[in-house]
């Protein structure tokens, strides 16, 4: 599983937890499904790819302000609960917090 795939899996798990509790549905509601699709699209287009830091430490904020506010609400709710539902994803995310973004420019330094 690539870094981006793992990040997508983590985002999906967080949105699912949030939607289940806040929107009362077992499957994602249309609003949360749209947010998940948006997040997946942004992750696929991430210029850092395998060297991607966690979004909170990323020098580029690629979410639109309204989507960023939605994701922040999801993370505030689901983040503390993830340890009980997805402990391995949490451990991997903690390790990723120490990752620094590499330059997007892959040319050799002079």
N, C-alpha and C. Protein backbone atom coordinates (compact mmCIF):
# COMPACT_ATOMS: atom_id res chain seq x y z
N UNK A 1 0.85 -1.18 0.00
CA UNK A 1 0.00 0.00 0.00
C UNK A 1 0.89 1.24 0.00
N UNK A 2 0.61 2.16 -0.91
CA UNK A 2 1.42 3.37 -0.99
C UNK A 2 1.03 4.35 0.12
N UNK A 3 1.84 5.34 0.30
CA UNK A 3 1.58 6.38 1.31
C UNK A 3 0.25 7.09 1.03
N UNK A 4 -0.01 7.41 -0.22
CA UNK A 4 -1.25 8.10 -0.59
C UNK A 4 -2.46 7.18 -0.35
N UNK A 5 -2.35 5.91 -0.69
CA UNK A 5 -3.44 4.97 -0.44
C UNK A 5 -3.75 4.86 1.05
N UNK A 6 -2.71 4.83 1.86
CA UNK A 6 -2.91 4.75 3.31
C UNK A 6 -3.57 6.02 3.83
N UNK A 7 -3.16 7.15 3.29
CA UNK A 7 -3.76 8.42 3.69
C UNK A 7 -5.24 8.44 3.30
N UNK A 8 -5.56 7.94 2.12
CA UNK A 8 -6.95 7.87 1.69
C UNK A 8 -7.77 6.95 2.60
N UNK A 9 -7.17 5.85 2.99
CA UNK A 9 -7.85 4.92 3.90
C UNK A 9 -8.12 5.58 5.25
N UNK A 10 -7.16 6.32 5.74
CA UNK A 10 -7.31 7.02 7.02
C UNK A 10 -8.41 8.07 6.94
N UNK A 11 -8.41 8.85 5.87
CA UNK A 11 -9.44 9.89 5.70
C UNK A 11 -10.82 9.24 5.61
N UNK A 12 -10.93 8.15 4.88
CA UNK A 12 -12.21 7.46 4.75
C UNK A 12 -12.69 6.96 6.11
N UNK A 13 -11.80 6.40 6.89
CA UNK A 13 -12.16 5.90 8.22
C UNK A 13 -12.65 7.04 9.11
N UNK A 14 -11.97 8.17 9.05
CA UNK A 14 -12.35 9.33 9.87
C UNK A 14 -13.71 9.89 9.44
N UNK A 15 -13.91 10.02 8.15
CA UNK A 15 -15.19 10.55 7.66
C UNK A 15 -16.32 9.58 8.00
N UNK A 16 -16.07 8.29 7.92
CA UNK A 16 -17.08 7.29 8.26
C UNK A 16 -17.48 7.39 9.73
N UNK A 17 -16.50 7.51 10.61
CA UNK A 17 -16.79 7.67 12.05
C UNK A 17 -17.63 8.93 12.29
N UNK A 18 -17.21 10.00 11.68
CA UNK A 18 -17.90 11.28 11.85
C UNK A 18 -19.34 11.21 11.34
N UNK A 19 -19.53 10.66 10.15
CA UNK A 19 -20.85 10.61 9.54
C UNK A 19 -21.80 9.72 10.36
N UNK A 20 -21.30 8.58 10.79
CA UNK A 20 -22.12 7.66 11.58
C UNK A 20 -22.68 8.33 12.82
N UNK A 21 -21.85 9.09 13.51
CA UNK A 21 -22.27 9.73 14.76
C UNK A 21 -23.06 11.02 14.52
N UNK A 22 -22.61 11.84 13.59
CA UNK A 22 -23.21 13.16 13.41
C UNK A 22 -24.35 13.21 12.41
N UNK A 23 -24.40 12.25 11.50
CA UNK A 23 -25.47 12.24 10.51
C UNK A 23 -26.36 11.00 10.64
N UNK A 24 -26.02 10.11 11.55
CA UNK A 24 -26.86 8.96 11.87
C UNK A 24 -27.04 7.93 10.79
N UNK A 25 -26.11 7.84 9.86
CA UNK A 25 -26.25 6.86 8.80
C UNK A 25 -25.11 5.85 8.86
N UNK A 26 -25.42 4.61 8.53
CA UNK A 26 -24.39 3.56 8.50
C UNK A 26 -23.48 3.72 7.29
N UNK A 27 -24.04 4.19 6.19
CA UNK A 27 -23.24 4.48 5.01
C UNK A 27 -23.08 5.99 4.92
N UNK A 28 -22.10 6.43 4.17
CA UNK A 28 -21.86 7.86 4.07
C UNK A 28 -23.04 8.59 3.45
N UNK A 29 -23.41 9.71 4.06
CA UNK A 29 -24.44 10.57 3.48
C UNK A 29 -23.83 11.27 2.28
N UNK A 30 -24.66 11.96 1.51
CA UNK A 30 -24.16 12.59 0.29
C UNK A 30 -23.11 13.67 0.59
N UNK A 31 -23.30 14.42 1.69
CA UNK A 31 -22.34 15.46 2.05
C UNK A 31 -20.97 14.86 2.39
N UNK A 32 -20.97 13.81 3.18
CA UNK A 32 -19.71 13.17 3.56
C UNK A 32 -19.09 12.42 2.39
N UNK A 33 -19.93 11.85 1.53
CA UNK A 33 -19.42 11.17 0.34
C UNK A 33 -18.73 12.17 -0.59
N UNK A 34 -19.32 13.35 -0.72
CA UNK A 34 -18.70 14.42 -1.53
C UNK A 34 -17.36 14.85 -0.93
N UNK A 35 -17.32 14.97 0.39
CA UNK A 35 -16.08 15.36 1.06
C UNK A 35 -15.01 14.30 0.85
N UNK A 36 -15.38 13.03 0.96
CA UNK A 36 -14.43 11.94 0.74
C UNK A 36 -13.89 11.96 -0.69
N UNK A 37 -14.78 12.17 -1.66
CA UNK A 37 -14.35 12.24 -3.06
C UNK A 37 -13.41 13.42 -3.28
N UNK A 38 -13.70 14.55 -2.66
CA UNK A 38 -12.85 15.73 -2.78
C UNK A 38 -11.47 15.45 -2.17
N UNK A 39 -11.46 14.86 -0.98
CA UNK A 39 -10.19 14.55 -0.31
C UNK A 39 -9.36 13.56 -1.14
N UNK A 40 -10.01 12.56 -1.69
CA UNK A 40 -9.30 11.57 -2.52
C UNK A 40 -8.68 12.23 -3.74
N UNK A 41 -9.44 13.12 -4.36
CA UNK A 41 -8.94 13.83 -5.55
C UNK A 41 -7.73 14.70 -5.19
N UNK A 42 -7.80 15.39 -4.06
CA UNK A 42 -6.69 16.24 -3.63
C UNK A 42 -5.46 15.38 -3.30
N UNK A 43 -5.66 14.23 -2.65
CA UNK A 43 -4.53 13.36 -2.31
C UNK A 43 -3.87 12.80 -3.58
N UNK A 44 -4.68 12.42 -4.55
CA UNK A 44 -4.13 11.90 -5.81
C UNK A 44 -3.28 12.95 -6.52
N UNK A 45 -3.64 14.21 -6.37
CA UNK A 45 -2.89 15.28 -7.02
C UNK A 45 -1.80 15.89 -6.15
N UNK A 46 -1.54 15.30 -5.01
CA UNK A 46 -0.53 15.85 -4.09
C UNK A 46 0.84 15.89 -4.77
N UNK A 47 1.47 17.07 -4.78
CA UNK A 47 2.77 17.18 -5.44
C UNK A 47 3.89 16.44 -4.70
N UNK A 48 3.68 16.09 -3.44
CA UNK A 48 4.72 15.43 -2.66
C UNK A 48 4.67 13.91 -2.78
N UNK A 49 3.51 13.35 -3.08
CA UNK A 49 3.28 11.92 -3.23
C UNK A 49 3.88 11.11 -2.08
N UNK A 50 4.87 10.25 -2.32
CA UNK A 50 5.37 9.36 -1.27
C UNK A 50 6.10 10.09 -0.15
N UNK A 51 6.55 11.31 -0.39
CA UNK A 51 7.22 12.06 0.68
C UNK A 51 6.27 13.04 1.36
N UNK A 52 4.97 12.82 1.17
CA UNK A 52 3.95 13.71 1.71
C UNK A 52 3.98 13.74 3.24
N UNK A 53 4.00 14.94 3.82
CA UNK A 53 3.88 15.05 5.28
C UNK A 53 2.39 14.99 5.63
N UNK A 54 2.07 14.98 6.92
CA UNK A 54 0.67 15.07 7.28
C UNK A 54 0.17 16.44 6.85
N UNK A 55 -1.12 16.54 6.57
CA UNK A 55 -1.68 17.79 6.03
C UNK A 55 -1.43 18.99 6.95
N UNK A 56 -1.47 18.77 8.26
CA UNK A 56 -1.28 19.87 9.20
C UNK A 56 0.12 20.48 9.09
N UNK A 57 1.09 19.70 8.63
CA UNK A 57 2.46 20.19 8.51
C UNK A 57 2.88 20.47 7.07
N UNK A 58 1.94 20.38 6.17
CA UNK A 58 2.25 20.57 4.76
C UNK A 58 2.40 22.06 4.43
N UNK A 59 3.40 22.43 3.65
CA UNK A 59 3.58 23.83 3.29
C UNK A 59 2.55 24.31 2.28
N UNK A 60 1.83 23.39 1.64
CA UNK A 60 0.81 23.74 0.66
C UNK A 60 -0.55 23.34 1.23
N UNK A 61 -1.48 24.27 1.23
CA UNK A 61 -2.83 23.94 1.67
C UNK A 61 -3.70 23.83 0.43
N UNK A 62 -3.98 22.61 0.02
CA UNK A 62 -4.63 22.39 -1.27
C UNK A 62 -6.16 22.29 -1.18
N UNK A 63 -6.73 22.37 0.03
CA UNK A 63 -8.18 22.33 0.17
C UNK A 63 -8.74 23.74 0.09
N UNK A 64 -9.92 23.86 -0.53
CA UNK A 64 -10.64 25.12 -0.52
C UNK A 64 -11.06 25.41 0.92
N UNK A 65 -11.22 26.67 1.29
CA UNK A 65 -11.55 27.00 2.68
C UNK A 65 -12.77 26.28 3.25
N UNK A 66 -13.84 26.14 2.47
CA UNK A 66 -15.03 25.46 2.98
C UNK A 66 -14.79 23.97 3.22
N UNK A 67 -14.06 23.34 2.32
CA UNK A 67 -13.73 21.91 2.49
C UNK A 67 -12.74 21.72 3.64
N UNK A 68 -11.83 22.66 3.77
CA UNK A 68 -10.86 22.58 4.86
C UNK A 68 -11.58 22.66 6.21
N UNK A 69 -12.58 23.51 6.31
CA UNK A 69 -13.37 23.62 7.55
C UNK A 69 -14.12 22.32 7.83
N UNK A 70 -14.65 21.70 6.78
CA UNK A 70 -15.34 20.41 6.96
C UNK A 70 -14.37 19.34 7.45
N UNK A 71 -13.21 19.26 6.83
CA UNK A 71 -12.22 18.24 7.22
C UNK A 71 -11.73 18.49 8.65
N UNK A 72 -11.57 19.74 9.01
CA UNK A 72 -11.16 20.07 10.38
C UNK A 72 -12.20 19.58 11.38
N UNK A 73 -13.48 19.78 11.08
CA UNK A 73 -14.55 19.30 11.97
C UNK A 73 -14.52 17.78 12.08
N UNK A 74 -14.31 17.11 10.95
CA UNK A 74 -14.23 15.65 10.94
C UNK A 74 -13.06 15.19 11.80
N UNK A 75 -11.90 15.81 11.63
CA UNK A 75 -10.70 15.39 12.36
C UNK A 75 -10.82 15.67 13.86
N UNK A 76 -11.45 16.77 14.21
CA UNK A 76 -11.63 17.07 15.64
C UNK A 76 -12.50 16.02 16.31
N UNK A 77 -13.52 15.55 15.59
CA UNK A 77 -14.39 14.53 16.17
C UNK A 77 -13.74 13.15 16.11
N UNK A 78 -13.31 12.75 14.91
CA UNK A 78 -12.86 11.38 14.69
C UNK A 78 -11.45 11.10 15.20
N UNK A 79 -10.59 12.11 15.19
CA UNK A 79 -9.20 11.91 15.60
C UNK A 79 -9.02 11.19 16.92
N UNK A 80 -9.64 11.70 18.00
CA UNK A 80 -9.47 11.04 19.30
C UNK A 80 -10.11 9.64 19.36
N UNK A 81 -11.06 9.35 18.51
CA UNK A 81 -11.76 8.07 18.53
C UNK A 81 -11.09 7.01 17.65
N UNK A 82 -10.19 7.45 16.80
CA UNK A 82 -9.53 6.53 15.87
C UNK A 82 -8.72 5.46 16.58
N UNK A 83 -8.17 5.76 17.72
CA UNK A 83 -7.34 4.78 18.44
C UNK A 83 -8.14 3.53 18.78
N UNK A 84 -9.43 3.67 19.00
CA UNK A 84 -10.28 2.52 19.36
C UNK A 84 -10.76 1.77 18.12
N UNK A 85 -10.91 2.46 17.02
CA UNK A 85 -11.46 1.85 15.82
C UNK A 85 -10.40 1.41 14.81
N UNK A 86 -9.32 2.15 14.72
CA UNK A 86 -8.26 1.88 13.73
C UNK A 86 -6.89 2.15 14.34
N UNK A 87 -6.47 1.37 15.34
CA UNK A 87 -5.21 1.65 16.04
C UNK A 87 -3.96 1.61 15.15
N UNK A 88 -3.95 0.74 14.16
CA UNK A 88 -2.77 0.66 13.29
C UNK A 88 -2.64 1.93 12.44
N UNK A 89 -3.76 2.41 11.91
CA UNK A 89 -3.72 3.65 11.14
C UNK A 89 -3.25 4.82 12.01
N UNK A 90 -3.65 4.81 13.27
CA UNK A 90 -3.22 5.88 14.19
C UNK A 90 -1.71 5.80 14.40
N UNK A 91 -1.20 4.61 14.63
CA UNK A 91 0.25 4.46 14.84
C UNK A 91 1.03 4.92 13.61
N UNK A 92 0.58 4.55 12.44
CA UNK A 92 1.25 4.97 11.21
C UNK A 92 1.18 6.48 11.03
N UNK A 93 0.04 7.08 11.41
CA UNK A 93 -0.11 8.53 11.31
C UNK A 93 0.85 9.24 12.28
N UNK A 94 1.01 8.68 13.46
CA UNK A 94 1.94 9.27 14.43
C UNK A 94 3.37 9.25 13.87
N UNK A 95 3.75 8.15 13.25
CA UNK A 95 5.07 8.07 12.63
C UNK A 95 5.19 9.10 11.51
N UNK A 96 4.13 9.26 10.74
CA UNK A 96 4.14 10.23 9.63
C UNK A 96 4.28 11.67 10.11
N UNK A 97 3.92 11.94 11.35
CA UNK A 97 4.04 13.30 11.87
C UNK A 97 5.49 13.79 11.88
N UNK A 98 6.41 12.86 11.90
CA UNK A 98 7.82 13.22 11.92
C UNK A 98 8.41 13.38 10.52
N UNK A 99 7.60 13.10 9.52
CA UNK A 99 8.04 13.21 8.13
C UNK A 99 8.05 14.68 7.72
N UNK A 100 9.10 15.09 7.06
CA UNK A 100 9.18 16.46 6.56
C UNK A 100 8.95 16.44 5.07
N UNK A 101 8.33 17.48 4.58
CA UNK A 101 8.06 17.58 3.15
C UNK A 101 9.37 17.80 2.41
N UNK A 102 9.58 16.98 1.39
CA UNK A 102 10.73 17.20 0.52
C UNK A 102 10.33 18.20 -0.53
N UNK A 103 11.29 18.78 -1.16
CA UNK A 103 11.03 19.75 -2.21
C UNK A 103 10.24 19.09 -3.34
N UNK A 104 9.31 19.84 -3.91
CA UNK A 104 8.55 19.33 -5.05
C UNK A 104 9.41 19.33 -6.29
N UNK A 105 10.46 20.11 -6.29
CA UNK A 105 11.35 20.22 -7.43
C UNK A 105 12.37 19.10 -7.35
N UNK A 106 12.31 18.15 -8.27
CA UNK A 106 13.18 16.97 -8.21
C UNK A 106 14.47 17.11 -9.00
N UNK A 107 14.82 18.33 -9.42
CA UNK A 107 16.08 18.53 -10.12
C UNK A 107 17.25 18.42 -9.16
N UNK A 108 18.37 18.07 -9.71
CA UNK A 108 19.58 17.96 -8.91
C UNK A 108 20.04 19.33 -8.43
N UNK A 109 20.49 19.44 -7.18
CA UNK A 109 21.00 20.74 -6.70
C UNK A 109 22.31 21.07 -7.39
N UNK A 110 22.60 22.36 -7.51
CA UNK A 110 23.84 22.80 -8.18
C UNK A 110 24.98 22.87 -7.25
